[in-house]
Amino acid sequence: MITYAVSGLWLSATIPFGYQVLSLLGLALYPRSRRFERFRSHQLAMILLLPFLLQWSLGGSVASSGVALWAR
């Protein structure tokens, strides 16, 4: 996230930051709701979307091949 921001890629820096915020929000709300299935589904969806959105924001698979390697 910091690397993207320093490089001036603000959209690409915002995506992992949003992931962190949503993940912390989910962790904060989970003890109140006790709905593990919903928490798990949200986390899985975010884990699957993060590499796709980062790759898209960096310009496709050729320009962002490091993201695809990091996601494996």
Protein backbone atom coordinates (compact mmCIF):
# COMPACT_ATOMS: atom_id res chain seq x y z
CA MET A 1 0.00 0.00 0.00
CA ILE A 2 2.73 2.46 0.93
CA THR A 3 4.76 1.48 -2.11
CA TYR A 4 1.85 2.29 -4.41
CA ALA A 5 1.24 5.63 -2.68
CA VAL A 6 4.91 6.64 -2.90
CA SER A 7 4.86 5.72 -6.59
CA GLY A 8 1.85 7.99 -7.13
CA LEU A 9 -0.56 5.13 -7.82
CA TRP A 10 -3.31 6.39 -5.52
CA LEU A 11 -6.07 4.12 -6.81
CA SER A 12 -3.85 1.09 -6.34
CA ALA A 13 -2.96 2.28 -2.83
CA THR A 14 -6.61 2.81 -1.91
CA ILE A 15 -7.61 -0.80 -2.68
CA PRO A 16 -5.48 -2.50 0.04
CA PHE A 17 -6.32 0.32 2.44
CA GLY A 18 -10.02 -0.30 1.84
CA TYR A 19 -9.43 -4.00 2.43
CA GLN A 20 -7.80 -3.24 5.76
CA VAL A 21 -10.62 -0.93 6.85
CA LEU A 22 -13.34 -3.41 5.86
CA SER A 23 -11.48 -6.28 7.51
CA LEU A 24 -11.07 -4.37 10.77
CA LEU A 25 -14.72 -3.34 10.63
CA GLY A 26 -15.73 -6.97 10.17
CA LEU A 27 -13.54 -8.03 13.08
CA ALA A 28 -15.06 -5.33 15.27
CA LEU A 29 -18.65 -6.26 14.39
CA TYR A 30 -18.23 -10.04 14.56
CA PRO A 31 -18.27 -10.36 18.39
CA ARG A 32 -21.60 -8.54 18.50
CA SER A 33 -23.35 -10.46 15.74
CA ARG A 34 -21.75 -13.93 16.24
CA ARG A 35 -22.55 -14.70 12.58
CA PHE A 36 -19.40 -16.48 11.55
CA GLU A 37 -20.77 -17.62 8.17
CA ARG A 38 -21.40 -14.04 7.12
CA PHE A 39 -18.00 -12.89 8.40
CA ARG A 40 -16.29 -15.76 6.58
CA SER A 41 -18.14 -15.02 3.33
CA HIS A 42 -17.16 -11.35 3.42
CA GLN A 43 -13.53 -12.19 4.11
CA LEU A 44 -13.42 -14.75 1.32
CA ALA A 45 -14.99 -12.31 -1.15
CA MET A 46 -12.47 -9.61 -0.25
CA ILE A 47 -9.53 -12.04 -0.46
CA LEU A 48 -10.63 -13.08 -3.94
CA LEU A 49 -11.34 -9.53 -5.14
CA LEU A 50 -8.17 -7.86 -3.87
CA PRO A 51 -5.71 -9.33 -6.42
CA PHE A 52 -8.20 -8.86 -9.27
CA LEU A 53 -8.83 -5.20 -8.41
CA LEU A 54 -5.14 -4.47 -7.89
CA GLN A 55 -4.21 -6.07 -11.19
CA TRP A 56 -6.96 -4.10 -12.96
CA SER A 57 -5.88 -0.80 -11.35
CA LEU A 58 -2.25 -1.34 -12.34
CA GLY A 59 -3.06 -1.82 -16.02
CA GLY A 60 -3.65 -5.50 -16.65
CA SER A 61 -1.74 -8.72 -16.32
CA VAL A 62 1.44 -7.63 -18.14
CA ALA A 63 1.98 -4.42 -16.19
CA SER A 64 1.12 -5.95 -12.84
CA SER A 65 2.47 -9.49 -13.00
CA GLY A 66 3.88 -9.13 -9.49
CA VAL A 67 0.35 -8.88 -8.09
CA ALA A 68 -0.60 -12.21 -9.66
CA LEU A 69 2.52 -13.83 -8.19
CA TRP A 70 1.88 -12.30 -4.77
CA ALA A 71 -1.70 -13.59 -4.78
CA ARG A 72 -0.66 -17.24 -5.13
